[in-house]
Amino acid sequence: MSIFGYARVSTEDQTLDNQLAALKAAGAVKIFSEKESGAKTDRKALARAIEMLDQGDVLIVTRLDRLARSMLDLLNTLEQIKQAEGWLPFASRTSDRYDYATRQAVADYPRRTSRV
C-alpha cells in the first residue's frame, strides 16, 4: 500500500505550501499538485494521481474541496478512485473504505460548499 497526496489551489497567486506540508506529514510518498480552478473537471495532476493508484493505495487530500467543487464532480472522482481499487480517507484511516468519517464528509459536502 502506498500513500499518495493531491494538492490544488485555484490561482497562480495562491501557495501550495500548507497543503504540501500537511500531506508530507500524513505520510504521502508522492504528491501531485496543480494550480487549476476547481471548476475545471479535467485536472491533469489529479488524473495522474488516480492513474498511479493500485489496489489498496490511498489518495489523501487536506480538504475535500481540494478534490472536487461539486457533488457530481466528487462522485465522479470517487468512482475513478474506486475503479483504480484505491481509497480516499477523509478524516480517519480504517480498514473500512466507507467508514463513518467518509460517509459524514460526503453527506456534509453540499452544505459546506454552498454559497449563501
C-alpha atoms as a PDB file:
ATOM      1  CA  MET A   1       0.000   0.000   0.000  1.00  0.00           C
ATOM      2  CA  SER A   2       1.277   3.441  -0.939  1.00  0.00           C
ATOM      3  CA  ILE A   3       0.001   6.809   0.186  1.00  0.00           C
ATOM      4  CA  PHE A   4      -0.269   9.499  -2.468  1.00  0.00           C
ATOM      5  CA  GLY A   5      -1.250  13.109  -1.895  1.00  0.00           C
ATOM      6  CA  TYR A   6      -3.125  15.607  -4.042  1.00  0.00           C
ATOM      7  CA  ALA A   7      -2.892  19.364  -3.514  1.00  0.00           C
ATOM      8  CA  ARG A   8      -4.618  22.102  -5.504  1.00  0.00           C
ATOM      9  CA  VAL A   9      -5.017  25.837  -5.396  1.00  0.00           C
ATOM     10  CA  SER A  10      -7.176  27.816  -7.779  1.00  0.00           C
ATOM     11  CA  THR A  11      -4.879  30.643  -8.854  1.00  0.00           C
ATOM     12  CA  GLU A  12      -1.216  31.286  -9.520  1.00  0.00           C
ATOM     13  CA  ASP A  13      -1.202  33.823  -6.660  1.00  0.00           C
ATOM     14  CA  GLN A  14      -2.049  31.155  -4.074  1.00  0.00           C
ATOM     15  CA  THR A  15       0.526  28.880  -2.473  1.00  0.00           C
ATOM     16  CA  LEU A  16       0.524  25.114  -2.066  1.00  0.00           C
ATOM     17  CA  ASP A  17       2.933  25.221   0.892  1.00  0.00           C
ATOM     18  CA  ASN A  18       0.472  24.390   3.709  1.00  0.00           C
ATOM     19  CA  GLN A  19      -1.137  21.566   1.775  1.00  0.00           C
ATOM     20  CA  LEU A  20       2.221  20.074   0.766  1.00  0.00           C
ATOM     21  CA  ALA A  21       3.475  20.181   4.357  1.00  0.00           C
ATOM     22  CA  ALA A  22       0.303  18.527   5.660  1.00  0.00           C
ATOM     23  CA  LEU A  23       0.416  15.806   3.004  1.00  0.00           C
ATOM     24  CA  LYS A  24       4.071  15.059   3.747  1.00  0.00           C
ATOM     25  CA  ALA A  25       3.301  14.921   7.472  1.00  0.00           C
ATOM     26  CA  ALA A  26       0.470  12.464   6.735  1.00  0.00           C
ATOM     27  CA  GLY A  27       2.942  10.128   5.037  1.00  0.00           C
ATOM     28  CA  ALA A  28       2.411  10.802   1.342  1.00  0.00           C
ATOM     29  CA  VAL A  29       5.241   9.188  -0.629  1.00  0.00           C
ATOM     30  CA  LYS A  30       4.399  11.186  -3.759  1.00  0.00           C
ATOM     31  CA  ILE A  31       2.363  14.369  -4.025  1.00  0.00           C
ATOM     32  CA  PHE A  32       0.587  15.539  -7.146  1.00  0.00           C
ATOM     33  CA  SER A  33      -0.116  19.254  -7.186  1.00  0.00           C
ATOM     34  CA  GLU A  34      -1.506  21.866  -9.517  1.00  0.00           C
ATOM     35  CA  LYS A  35      -2.776  25.400  -9.785  1.00  0.00           C
ATOM     36  CA  GLU A  36      -6.133  24.956 -11.502  1.00  0.00           C
ATOM     37  CA  SER A  37      -9.664  26.076 -10.825  1.00  0.00           C
ATOM     38  CA  GLY A  38     -11.828  23.537  -9.033  1.00  0.00           C
ATOM     39  CA  ALA A  39     -14.485  24.242 -11.645  1.00  0.00           C
ATOM     40  CA  LYS A  40     -12.235  22.597 -14.215  1.00  0.00           C
ATOM     41  CA  THR A  41     -13.015  18.886 -14.260  1.00  0.00           C
ATOM     42  CA  ASP A  42     -10.022  17.978 -16.432  1.00  0.00           C
ATOM     43  CA  ARG A  43      -7.239  18.385 -13.874  1.00  0.00           C
ATOM     44  CA  LYS A  44      -4.083  16.696 -15.126  1.00  0.00           C
ATOM     45  CA  ALA A  45      -2.346  16.216 -11.772  1.00  0.00           C
ATOM     46  CA  LEU A  46      -5.465  14.642 -10.256  1.00  0.00           C
ATOM     47  CA  ALA A  47      -5.774  12.323 -13.252  1.00  0.00           C
ATOM     48  CA  ARG A  48      -2.104  11.292 -12.857  1.00  0.00           C
ATOM     49  CA  ALA A  49      -2.626  10.664  -9.141  1.00  0.00           C
ATOM     50  CA  ILE A  50      -5.605   8.401  -9.809  1.00  0.00           C
ATOM     51  CA  GLU A  51      -3.711   6.586 -12.577  1.00  0.00           C
ATOM     52  CA  MET A  52      -0.930   5.804 -10.078  1.00  0.00           C
ATOM     53  CA  LEU A  53      -3.298   4.063  -7.648  1.00  0.00           C
ATOM     54  CA  ASP A  54      -3.026   0.314  -7.311  1.00  0.00           C
ATOM     55  CA  GLN A  55      -5.199  -1.932  -5.196  1.00  0.00           C
ATOM     56  CA  GLY A  56      -5.154  -0.739  -1.594  1.00  0.00           C
ATOM     57  CA  ASP A  57      -3.311   2.522  -2.292  1.00  0.00           C
ATOM     58  CA  VAL A  58      -4.530   5.648  -0.560  1.00  0.00           C
ATOM     59  CA  LEU A  59      -5.061   9.124  -2.003  1.00  0.00           C
ATOM     60  CA  ILE A  60      -5.159  11.853   0.623  1.00  0.00           C
ATOM     61  CA  VAL A  61      -6.197  15.487   0.398  1.00  0.00           C
ATOM     62  CA  THR A  62      -6.095  18.203   3.022  1.00  0.00           C
ATOM     63  CA  ARG A  63      -9.688  19.259   2.414  1.00  0.00           C
ATOM     64  CA  LEU A  64     -12.483  17.764   0.387  1.00  0.00           C
ATOM     65  CA  ASP A  65     -12.919  20.947  -1.644  1.00  0.00           C
ATOM     66  CA  ARG A  66      -9.376  20.485  -2.997  1.00  0.00           C
ATOM     67  CA  LEU A  67     -10.630  17.328  -4.688  1.00  0.00           C
ATOM     68  CA  ALA A  68     -13.965  18.463  -6.109  1.00  0.00           C
ATOM     69  CA  ARG A  69     -16.085  21.565  -6.360  1.00  0.00           C
ATOM     70  CA  SER A  70     -19.491  19.960  -6.814  1.00  0.00           C
ATOM     71  CA  MET A  71     -21.191  16.826  -5.553  1.00  0.00           C
ATOM     72  CA  LEU A  72     -21.294  15.430  -9.103  1.00  0.00           C
ATOM     73  CA  ASP A  73     -17.565  16.036  -9.546  1.00  0.00           C
ATOM     74  CA  LEU A  74     -16.891  14.445  -6.164  1.00  0.00           C
ATOM     75  CA  LEU A  75     -18.928  11.353  -7.006  1.00  0.00           C
ATOM     76  CA  ASN A  76     -17.226  11.015 -10.397  1.00  0.00           C
ATOM     77  CA  THR A  77     -13.798  11.326  -8.777  1.00  0.00           C
ATOM     78  CA  LEU A  78     -14.674   8.783  -6.080  1.00  0.00           C
ATOM     79  CA  GLU A  79     -15.816   6.384  -8.802  1.00  0.00           C
ATOM     80  CA  GLN A  80     -12.479   6.782 -10.599  1.00  0.00           C
ATOM     81  CA  ILE A  81     -10.645   6.050  -7.354  1.00  0.00           C
ATOM     82  CA  LYS A  82     -12.851   3.011  -6.778  1.00  0.00           C
ATOM     83  CA  GLN A  83     -12.144   1.746 -10.312  1.00  0.00           C
ATOM     84  CA  ALA A  84      -8.422   2.002  -9.539  1.00  0.00           C
ATOM     85  CA  GLU A  85      -9.104  -0.076  -6.387  1.00  0.00           C
ATOM     86  CA  GLY A  86      -7.663   2.698  -4.242  1.00  0.00           C
ATOM     87  CA  TRP A  87      -9.408   4.574  -1.480  1.00  0.00           C
ATOM     88  CA  LEU A  88      -9.709   8.041  -0.066  1.00  0.00           C
ATOM     89  CA  PRO A  89      -9.962   8.506   3.697  1.00  0.00           C
ATOM     90  CA  PHE A  90     -11.264  11.943   4.616  1.00  0.00           C
ATOM     91  CA  ALA A  91     -10.851  12.099   8.359  1.00  0.00           C
ATOM     92  CA  SER A  92      -9.601   8.759   9.596  1.00  0.00           C
ATOM     93  CA  ARG A  93      -7.701   5.748   8.412  1.00  0.00           C
ATOM     94  CA  THR A  94      -9.516   2.485   8.979  1.00  0.00           C
ATOM     95  CA  SER A  95      -9.736  -0.763   7.098  1.00  0.00           C
ATOM     96  CA  ASP A  96     -13.363   0.035   6.232  1.00  0.00           C
ATOM     97  CA  ARG A  97     -13.311   2.024   2.986  1.00  0.00           C
ATOM     98  CA  TYR A  98     -16.712   3.520   3.709  1.00  0.00           C
ATOM     99  CA  ASP A  99     -16.213   4.336   7.361  1.00  0.00           C
ATOM    100  CA  TYR A 100     -18.287   6.847   9.286  1.00  0.00           C
ATOM    101  CA  ALA A 101     -15.917   9.749   8.618  1.00  0.00           C
ATOM    102  CA  THR A 102     -16.111   9.187   4.877  1.00  0.00           C
ATOM    103  CA  ARG A 103     -19.908   8.993   4.860  1.00  0.00           C
ATOM    104  CA  GLN A 104     -20.146  12.088   7.038  1.00  0.00           C
ATOM    105  CA  ALA A 105     -17.749  14.048   4.810  1.00  0.00           C
ATOM    106  CA  VAL A 106     -19.769  13.194   1.712  1.00  0.00           C
ATOM    107  CA  ALA A 107     -23.056  13.967   3.458  1.00  0.00           C
ATOM    108  CA  ASP A 108     -21.805  17.349   4.691  1.00  0.00           C
ATOM    109  CA  TYR A 109     -20.100  18.340   1.442  1.00  0.00           C
ATOM    110  CA  PRO A 110     -23.030  20.163  -0.239  1.00  0.00           C
ATOM    111  CA  ARG A 111     -23.718  22.190   2.912  1.00  0.00           C
ATOM    112  CA  ARG A 112     -20.058  23.185   3.325  1.00  0.00           C
ATOM    113  CA  THR A 113     -19.626  24.230  -0.289  1.00  0.00           C
ATOM    114  CA  SER A 114     -22.887  26.092  -0.842  1.00  0.00           C
ATOM    115  CA  ARG A 115     -22.671  29.837  -1.001  1.00  0.00           C
ATOM    116  CA  VAL A 116     -25.446  31.541   0.963  1.00  0.00           C
END
